[in-house]
N, C-alpha and C. Protein backbone atom coordinates (compact mmCIF):
# COMPACT_ATOMS: atom_id res chain seq x y z
N GLN A 1 14.70 -13.13 5.16
CA GLN A 1 13.67 -12.84 4.19
C GLN A 1 12.44 -12.25 4.86
N VAL A 2 11.69 -11.49 4.08
CA VAL A 2 10.45 -10.88 4.55
C VAL A 2 9.32 -11.34 3.64
N GLN A 3 8.23 -11.72 4.26
CA GLN A 3 7.04 -12.08 3.50
C GLN A 3 5.99 -10.99 3.68
N VAL A 4 5.32 -10.67 2.59
CA VAL A 4 4.31 -9.61 2.59
C VAL A 4 3.01 -10.17 1.99
N VAL A 5 1.92 -9.98 2.70
CA VAL A 5 0.63 -10.51 2.24
C VAL A 5 -0.43 -9.42 2.36
N GLU A 6 -1.09 -9.11 1.23
CA GLU A 6 -2.18 -8.14 1.24
C GLU A 6 -3.52 -8.88 1.27
N SER A 7 -4.53 -8.14 1.71
CA SER A 7 -5.90 -8.65 1.65
C SER A 7 -6.86 -7.49 1.65
N GLY A 8 -8.10 -7.76 1.24
CA GLY A 8 -9.14 -6.76 1.37
C GLY A 8 -9.65 -6.13 0.09
N GLY A 9 -9.13 -6.53 -1.05
CA GLY A 9 -9.62 -5.94 -2.29
C GLY A 9 -11.03 -6.38 -2.62
N GLY A 10 -11.57 -5.82 -3.71
CA GLY A 10 -12.91 -6.21 -4.12
C GLY A 10 -13.50 -5.22 -5.09
N LEU A 11 -14.82 -5.34 -5.27
CA LEU A 11 -15.58 -4.48 -6.18
C LEU A 11 -16.40 -3.50 -5.36
N VAL A 12 -16.33 -2.23 -5.74
CA VAL A 12 -17.06 -1.20 -5.02
C VAL A 12 -17.55 -0.16 -6.03
N GLN A 13 -18.65 0.48 -5.71
CA GLN A 13 -19.16 1.54 -6.57
C GLN A 13 -18.39 2.84 -6.36
N ALA A 14 -18.37 3.66 -7.38
CA ALA A 14 -17.71 4.96 -7.26
C ALA A 14 -18.30 5.72 -6.07
N GLY A 15 -17.41 6.36 -5.31
CA GLY A 15 -17.83 7.07 -4.12
C GLY A 15 -17.78 6.23 -2.86
N GLY A 16 -17.59 4.93 -3.02
CA GLY A 16 -17.54 4.02 -1.89
C GLY A 16 -16.17 3.93 -1.26
N SER A 17 -16.03 2.99 -0.32
CA SER A 17 -14.80 2.84 0.44
C SER A 17 -14.37 1.37 0.49
N LEU A 18 -13.07 1.18 0.64
CA LEU A 18 -12.49 -0.14 0.86
C LEU A 18 -11.31 0.02 1.78
N ARG A 19 -11.00 -1.03 2.51
CA ARG A 19 -9.83 -1.04 3.38
C ARG A 19 -8.97 -2.24 3.05
N LEU A 20 -7.73 -1.98 2.72
CA LEU A 20 -6.78 -3.04 2.45
C LEU A 20 -5.88 -3.23 3.66
N SER A 21 -5.46 -4.46 3.85
CA SER A 21 -4.53 -4.78 4.92
C SER A 21 -3.27 -5.40 4.33
N CYS A 22 -2.18 -5.24 5.06
CA CYS A 22 -0.90 -5.79 4.61
C CYS A 22 -0.11 -6.22 5.84
N ALA A 23 0.27 -7.48 5.86
CA ALA A 23 1.04 -8.01 6.98
C ALA A 23 2.43 -8.41 6.51
N ALA A 24 3.43 -7.95 7.24
CA ALA A 24 4.82 -8.32 6.96
C ALA A 24 5.30 -9.27 8.04
N SER A 25 6.01 -10.31 7.64
CA SER A 25 6.52 -11.28 8.60
C SER A 25 7.93 -11.72 8.19
N GLY A 26 8.59 -12.41 9.09
CA GLY A 26 9.96 -12.84 8.83
C GLY A 26 10.95 -11.87 9.49
N ARG A 27 12.03 -11.57 8.78
CA ARG A 27 13.07 -10.69 9.32
C ARG A 27 12.69 -9.23 9.11
N THR A 28 11.79 -8.75 9.94
CA THR A 28 11.27 -7.38 9.78
C THR A 28 11.92 -6.37 10.69
N PHE A 29 12.87 -6.79 11.52
CA PHE A 29 13.44 -5.87 12.50
C PHE A 29 14.20 -4.72 11.83
N ASN A 30 14.69 -4.95 10.60
CA ASN A 30 15.45 -3.91 9.91
C ASN A 30 14.65 -3.27 8.77
N ILE A 31 13.33 -3.42 8.83
CA ILE A 31 12.44 -2.77 7.86
C ILE A 31 11.85 -1.55 8.53
N TYR A 32 12.07 -0.37 7.95
CA TYR A 32 11.70 0.88 8.59
C TYR A 32 10.28 1.35 8.28
N GLY A 33 9.62 0.70 7.37
CA GLY A 33 8.25 1.10 7.02
C GLY A 33 7.76 0.29 5.84
N MET A 34 6.65 0.70 5.27
CA MET A 34 6.05 -0.01 4.15
C MET A 34 5.54 0.98 3.11
N GLY A 35 5.39 0.48 1.90
CA GLY A 35 4.84 1.31 0.84
C GLY A 35 3.67 0.63 0.16
N TRP A 36 2.78 1.43 -0.39
CA TRP A 36 1.68 0.95 -1.20
C TRP A 36 1.85 1.46 -2.63
N PHE A 37 1.61 0.57 -3.56
CA PHE A 37 1.67 0.91 -4.99
C PHE A 37 0.44 0.31 -5.66
N ARG A 38 0.19 0.72 -6.88
CA ARG A 38 -0.90 0.14 -7.65
C ARG A 38 -0.52 0.10 -9.12
N GLN A 39 -1.14 -0.83 -9.84
CA GLN A 39 -0.87 -0.96 -11.25
C GLN A 39 -2.16 -1.28 -11.99
N ALA A 40 -2.52 -0.37 -12.88
CA ALA A 40 -3.70 -0.56 -13.72
C ALA A 40 -3.27 -1.26 -15.01
N PRO A 41 -4.21 -1.92 -15.69
CA PRO A 41 -3.87 -2.62 -16.94
C PRO A 41 -3.23 -1.69 -17.96
N GLY A 42 -2.10 -2.11 -18.49
CA GLY A 42 -1.42 -1.33 -19.51
C GLY A 42 -0.64 -0.14 -18.99
N LYS A 43 -0.56 0.01 -17.67
CA LYS A 43 0.16 1.16 -17.10
C LYS A 43 1.29 0.67 -16.20
N GLU A 44 2.20 1.59 -15.93
CA GLU A 44 3.31 1.27 -15.04
C GLU A 44 2.83 1.27 -13.59
N ARG A 45 3.63 0.61 -12.76
CA ARG A 45 3.31 0.60 -11.34
C ARG A 45 3.41 2.02 -10.79
N GLU A 46 2.41 2.42 -10.01
CA GLU A 46 2.29 3.79 -9.54
C GLU A 46 2.38 3.86 -8.02
N PHE A 47 3.10 4.84 -7.53
CA PHE A 47 3.23 5.05 -6.09
C PHE A 47 1.90 5.55 -5.52
N VAL A 48 1.53 5.00 -4.36
CA VAL A 48 0.31 5.43 -3.66
C VAL A 48 0.67 6.15 -2.35
N GLY A 49 1.47 5.52 -1.52
CA GLY A 49 1.83 6.15 -0.25
C GLY A 49 2.76 5.29 0.56
N THR A 50 3.29 5.88 1.62
CA THR A 50 4.21 5.16 2.51
C THR A 50 3.89 5.46 3.96
N ILE A 51 4.39 4.60 4.81
CA ILE A 51 4.31 4.81 6.25
C ILE A 51 5.60 4.32 6.87
N THR A 52 6.12 5.08 7.84
CA THR A 52 7.29 4.64 8.58
C THR A 52 6.85 4.17 9.95
N TRP A 53 7.58 3.16 10.46
CA TRP A 53 7.18 2.62 11.76
C TRP A 53 7.46 3.62 12.88
N SER A 54 8.55 4.36 12.78
CA SER A 54 8.90 5.31 13.83
C SER A 54 8.04 6.55 13.68
N GLY A 55 7.13 6.78 14.58
CA GLY A 55 6.27 7.96 14.53
C GLY A 55 5.13 7.84 13.55
N SER A 56 5.07 6.71 12.84
CA SER A 56 3.99 6.46 11.89
C SER A 56 3.81 7.59 10.89
N GLY A 57 4.93 8.18 10.44
CA GLY A 57 4.84 9.22 9.43
C GLY A 57 4.33 8.67 8.13
N THR A 58 3.49 9.43 7.44
CA THR A 58 2.91 9.00 6.18
C THR A 58 3.17 10.02 5.08
N TYR A 59 3.13 9.54 3.84
CA TYR A 59 3.32 10.38 2.66
C TYR A 59 2.47 9.80 1.55
N TYR A 60 1.81 10.68 0.78
CA TYR A 60 0.86 10.23 -0.23
C TYR A 60 1.14 10.84 -1.59
N ALA A 61 0.75 10.10 -2.61
CA ALA A 61 0.74 10.65 -3.95
C ALA A 61 -0.37 11.69 -4.04
N ASP A 62 -0.18 12.70 -4.88
CA ASP A 62 -1.19 13.75 -5.01
C ASP A 62 -2.53 13.19 -5.45
N SER A 63 -2.50 12.13 -6.25
CA SER A 63 -3.74 11.58 -6.80
C SER A 63 -4.65 10.96 -5.75
N VAL A 64 -4.09 10.63 -4.59
CA VAL A 64 -4.89 9.97 -3.56
C VAL A 64 -4.97 10.79 -2.26
N LYS A 65 -4.22 11.86 -2.20
CA LYS A 65 -4.20 12.68 -0.99
C LYS A 65 -5.61 13.16 -0.66
N GLU A 66 -5.94 13.20 0.60
CA GLU A 66 -7.26 13.60 1.11
C GLU A 66 -8.31 12.51 0.94
N ARG A 67 -8.02 11.45 0.19
CA ARG A 67 -9.00 10.37 0.03
C ARG A 67 -8.52 9.07 0.67
N PHE A 68 -7.21 8.83 0.61
CA PHE A 68 -6.64 7.60 1.15
C PHE A 68 -5.89 7.90 2.44
N THR A 69 -5.93 6.94 3.37
CA THR A 69 -5.21 7.08 4.62
C THR A 69 -4.48 5.78 4.92
N ILE A 70 -3.19 5.91 5.23
CA ILE A 70 -2.38 4.76 5.62
C ILE A 70 -2.16 4.80 7.12
N SER A 71 -2.39 3.67 7.75
CA SER A 71 -2.11 3.56 9.18
C SER A 71 -1.38 2.24 9.41
N GLY A 72 -0.86 2.08 10.63
CA GLY A 72 -0.09 0.88 10.88
C GLY A 72 -0.07 0.48 12.34
N ASP A 73 0.20 -0.78 12.54
CA ASP A 73 0.39 -1.34 13.87
C ASP A 73 1.80 -1.91 13.89
N ASN A 74 2.70 -1.16 14.51
CA ASN A 74 4.10 -1.55 14.50
C ASN A 74 4.32 -2.91 15.14
N ALA A 75 3.66 -3.15 16.25
CA ALA A 75 3.85 -4.42 16.97
C ALA A 75 3.46 -5.61 16.10
N LYS A 76 2.45 -5.43 15.29
CA LYS A 76 1.99 -6.52 14.44
C LYS A 76 2.62 -6.48 13.05
N ARG A 77 3.39 -5.43 12.80
CA ARG A 77 3.98 -5.25 11.47
C ARG A 77 2.89 -5.33 10.39
N THR A 78 1.83 -4.63 10.66
CA THR A 78 0.68 -4.62 9.75
C THR A 78 0.35 -3.18 9.38
N VAL A 79 0.05 -2.95 8.12
CA VAL A 79 -0.36 -1.63 7.68
C VAL A 79 -1.71 -1.74 6.98
N TYR A 80 -2.41 -0.61 6.95
CA TYR A 80 -3.74 -0.56 6.37
C TYR A 80 -3.82 0.60 5.39
N LEU A 81 -4.58 0.40 4.34
CA LEU A 81 -4.84 1.46 3.37
C LEU A 81 -6.36 1.67 3.32
N GLN A 82 -6.80 2.74 3.95
CA GLN A 82 -8.22 3.09 3.93
C GLN A 82 -8.47 3.97 2.71
N MET A 83 -9.33 3.52 1.84
CA MET A 83 -9.61 4.24 0.59
C MET A 83 -11.05 4.73 0.60
N ASN A 84 -11.23 6.03 0.56
CA ASN A 84 -12.55 6.64 0.55
C ASN A 84 -12.77 7.40 -0.75
N SER A 85 -14.01 7.72 -1.02
CA SER A 85 -14.36 8.48 -2.22
C SER A 85 -13.71 7.89 -3.46
N LEU A 86 -13.83 6.59 -3.61
CA LEU A 86 -13.15 5.90 -4.70
C LEU A 86 -13.70 6.32 -6.06
N LYS A 87 -12.79 6.37 -7.02
CA LYS A 87 -13.12 6.75 -8.39
C LYS A 87 -12.78 5.58 -9.32
N ALA A 88 -13.37 5.62 -10.51
CA ALA A 88 -13.10 4.56 -11.48
C ALA A 88 -11.61 4.46 -11.78
N GLU A 89 -10.93 5.60 -11.79
CA GLU A 89 -9.49 5.60 -12.10
C GLU A 89 -8.64 5.01 -10.98
N ASP A 90 -9.25 4.68 -9.84
CA ASP A 90 -8.52 3.99 -8.77
C ASP A 90 -8.46 2.48 -9.02
N THR A 91 -9.17 2.01 -10.03
CA THR A 91 -9.17 0.59 -10.35
C THR A 91 -7.76 0.12 -10.71
N ALA A 92 -7.28 -0.88 -10.00
CA ALA A 92 -5.92 -1.37 -10.21
C ALA A 92 -5.69 -2.57 -9.30
N VAL A 93 -4.56 -3.22 -9.52
CA VAL A 93 -4.07 -4.18 -8.54
C VAL A 93 -3.21 -3.40 -7.56
N TYR A 94 -3.49 -3.55 -6.29
CA TYR A 94 -2.78 -2.81 -5.25
C TYR A 94 -1.76 -3.74 -4.60
N TYR A 95 -0.55 -3.20 -4.46
CA TYR A 95 0.56 -3.95 -3.88
C TYR A 95 1.09 -3.26 -2.64
N CYS A 96 1.42 -4.07 -1.68
CA CYS A 96 2.12 -3.61 -0.50
C CYS A 96 3.56 -4.10 -0.62
N ALA A 97 4.51 -3.31 -0.14
CA ALA A 97 5.90 -3.70 -0.30
C ALA A 97 6.74 -3.21 0.87
N ALA A 98 7.79 -3.98 1.15
CA ALA A 98 8.75 -3.60 2.18
C ALA A 98 10.04 -3.15 1.50
N PRO A 99 10.61 -2.04 1.94
CA PRO A 99 11.82 -1.54 1.28
C PRO A 99 13.05 -2.37 1.64
N ARG A 100 14.12 -2.08 0.94
CA ARG A 100 15.40 -2.69 1.22
C ARG A 100 15.71 -2.51 2.71
N PRO A 101 16.32 -3.49 3.36
CA PRO A 101 16.64 -3.36 4.78
C PRO A 101 17.44 -2.10 5.08
N TYR A 102 17.11 -1.49 6.21
CA TYR A 102 17.77 -0.28 6.70
C TYR A 102 17.53 0.94 5.79
N ARG A 103 16.53 0.86 4.93
CA ARG A 103 16.17 2.00 4.10
C ARG A 103 14.73 2.42 4.41
N PHE A 104 14.49 3.71 4.41
CA PHE A 104 13.13 4.18 4.62
C PHE A 104 12.32 4.00 3.34
N PRO A 105 11.01 3.82 3.47
CA PRO A 105 10.19 3.63 2.27
C PRO A 105 10.19 4.90 1.42
N SER A 106 10.15 4.72 0.12
CA SER A 106 10.22 5.85 -0.81
C SER A 106 9.14 5.70 -1.88
N GLN A 107 9.19 6.59 -2.86
CA GLN A 107 8.23 6.55 -3.97
C GLN A 107 8.69 5.63 -5.09
N ARG A 108 9.92 5.14 -5.02
CA ARG A 108 10.51 4.37 -6.11
C ARG A 108 10.31 2.87 -5.92
N PRO A 109 9.60 2.23 -6.82
CA PRO A 109 9.40 0.78 -6.70
C PRO A 109 10.71 -0.01 -6.68
N ASP A 110 11.75 0.48 -7.34
CA ASP A 110 13.01 -0.27 -7.41
C ASP A 110 13.78 -0.24 -6.10
N GLU A 111 13.28 0.50 -5.12
CA GLU A 111 13.93 0.52 -3.80
C GLU A 111 13.24 -0.41 -2.81
N TYR A 112 12.34 -1.24 -3.34
CA TYR A 112 11.64 -2.20 -2.51
C TYR A 112 12.08 -3.62 -2.89
N ASP A 113 12.39 -4.40 -1.88
CA ASP A 113 12.86 -5.77 -2.13
C ASP A 113 11.79 -6.82 -1.97
N TYR A 114 10.75 -6.51 -1.21
CA TYR A 114 9.76 -7.54 -0.87
C TYR A 114 8.36 -7.04 -1.23
N TRP A 115 7.67 -7.82 -2.04
CA TRP A 115 6.36 -7.44 -2.54
C TRP A 115 5.32 -8.50 -2.20
N GLY A 116 4.11 -8.04 -1.95
CA GLY A 116 3.01 -8.95 -1.80
C GLY A 116 2.51 -9.41 -3.16
N GLN A 117 1.52 -10.26 -3.13
CA GLN A 117 1.00 -10.84 -4.36
C GLN A 117 0.03 -9.90 -5.08
N GLY A 118 -0.41 -8.87 -4.39
CA GLY A 118 -1.33 -7.92 -4.99
C GLY A 118 -2.78 -8.29 -4.72
N THR A 119 -3.62 -7.28 -4.65
CA THR A 119 -5.05 -7.51 -4.47
C THR A 119 -5.82 -6.57 -5.40
N GLN A 120 -6.81 -7.10 -6.10
CA GLN A 120 -7.54 -6.34 -7.10
C GLN A 120 -8.57 -5.42 -6.45
N VAL A 121 -8.56 -4.17 -6.87
CA VAL A 121 -9.59 -3.21 -6.48
C VAL A 121 -10.27 -2.73 -7.77
N THR A 122 -11.56 -2.92 -7.84
CA THR A 122 -12.32 -2.51 -9.01
C THR A 122 -13.40 -1.54 -8.57
N VAL A 123 -13.40 -0.35 -9.18
CA VAL A 123 -14.38 0.67 -8.85
C VAL A 123 -15.29 0.85 -10.07
N SER A 124 -16.56 0.58 -9.88
CA SER A 124 -17.50 0.72 -10.99
C SER A 124 -18.12 2.11 -10.98
N SER A 125 -18.24 2.67 -12.18
CA SER A 125 -18.77 4.04 -12.28
C SER A 125 -20.26 4.03 -12.58
């Protein structure tokens, strides 16, 4: 089993920044990377971005590209989501997730087996 724990959410004004952290523990040797998703009230879970442990390759949704940056520490199995130039529409619960073992992280939530509890990000306009 893999455990995933996020931290770092909060309230910020539009244009501000926040940094989320996500730590994976347990049987992580066969986890190739991590994904970030978010869910606003009344909306479906939305893809934010991914990072792979090998080469730390990253991929972002168009809605956050140029504003959000994902980085990671492979040795610690920890990833970070740096969010800059935040907008009111970024308000959501943010989730970190580990994909199915031996699968690379993707944009599809149904390809992830392990989810964190989520952390609230609220951007005031």
